Amino acid sequence: MSEPTLGLERAGLQDLYRSLCLTRAAEERLELLQKQGHVTGGLYRSLGQEAGAVGAAYALRRRADGTGDMLCHTIRAAGALFLFGGELIDYFRQYMAKGTSPTRGREANVHWFDFEKGFVGPVSPLGTMIEIMAGMTLSFRVRGEDRIGIVFYGDGASSTGAWHEGLNFAAVQRCPMILIVENNQWAFSTPTSKNTRVSSFTEKGPGYGIGAEAVDGTDVLAVFDAVRRAALQVRSGGGTHMIELNYFRRKGHAQHDPQDYVDPAVIRAWEKKDPLDLYRSRLLRNEWASEDELVAIEEETFEECRVAAEAAIAEPYPEGAEAVSGVYTDVHTPHPWTRSSSPDPTLA
């Protein structure tokens, strides 16, 4: 007997697999580009976590006219970025700091935004994006817009003051927001057990007066279902909700991190819970897809990434003068008193 499809048609079930494959193919292509010398900055893989970003984003309203839900993704949530309309070629341009990238070579990887498509890239000081999303979603509530926001966070960032302040504000203001805590068990080289005393981040929810649940982050349909139910609650005025995704970061913090602080046996055990392998088997077992259909998806996403990466390689780097364009304004602004040689507090 076939499993429940959670309201998804055959095409939707296969589309989820396509998003998973695209995420992995894009990151594998990036790893190759770095080895070839095209990517000189950090490279952050989401190996083992792809189902979290894909399942969560698939449950939301994604539009390209500025009226859909909003996403604040993390550096390992490229799958959500792609679903919200982030272009694959822009992804490669960003990592290679090309002059044609959305930030014209100023920022790297997923640090860019598109308000029309509904995504805002992360900022480097961890914990602050929850405050930004709280403000965005509060504006939705004040204006009476039928929109919600979702913000991703790693388990390590939940130990920052900004995270707690932002969550408290969102809870008190009943912001229509879903907070995703990606519990991948490591914050760089620090295990989660040294970041918090609780056994599950959902235990923190009641302290802020919000609902919370934990889900297997390697199961894309379980993530989709949890976020879909949370979205209905949040959209109907239920206030902020937390969802904890449990999985494992099967690569180091970044590509330069050898991950020698992790027992290799643990990594091998988690390889057996690979989200793509698990979902692929499920699609075949329930006859939601044929072997030929899945192979076609895999080959198509591999080719998409190859073509996009090669196109980005051929594009130019920014000119040196570009470094100051869009930074300064031709409008004269008086020098602030706080930066004068002898500050005068009476001018404050």
Foldseek 3Di string as FASTA:
>chain_A
DADDPLPDALVRLVVLLLLLLLLVLLLVVVVVCVVVPLFDDWRAELFWQQLQLSLQLVLFFWAQALQTAAEEEALHNVSSVVSLPNDSLLQLLQRSLACPHQVRSPHHGQQDDDNRSHYHYDDDPALQVLQVQLVVQLVCVVVVGLYAYEYEEELQSCLDPSNVVSLLSQLVSLRLYEYEYEDQQDDQLDGSVVRDVDPDPQVCQVVSPAHEDEDASLANNRSNVVSNVSNVCSSVRNGYYYYYYDTHRLCGRTPVRRNPSDDVVVSVVRVVSRSSVVSVVSCVVSVSDDPVSSVVSNVVSSVSSVVSNVVSSPGHRDDPVVVCPPPDDPDDDDDDLVPDPDRDVVVD
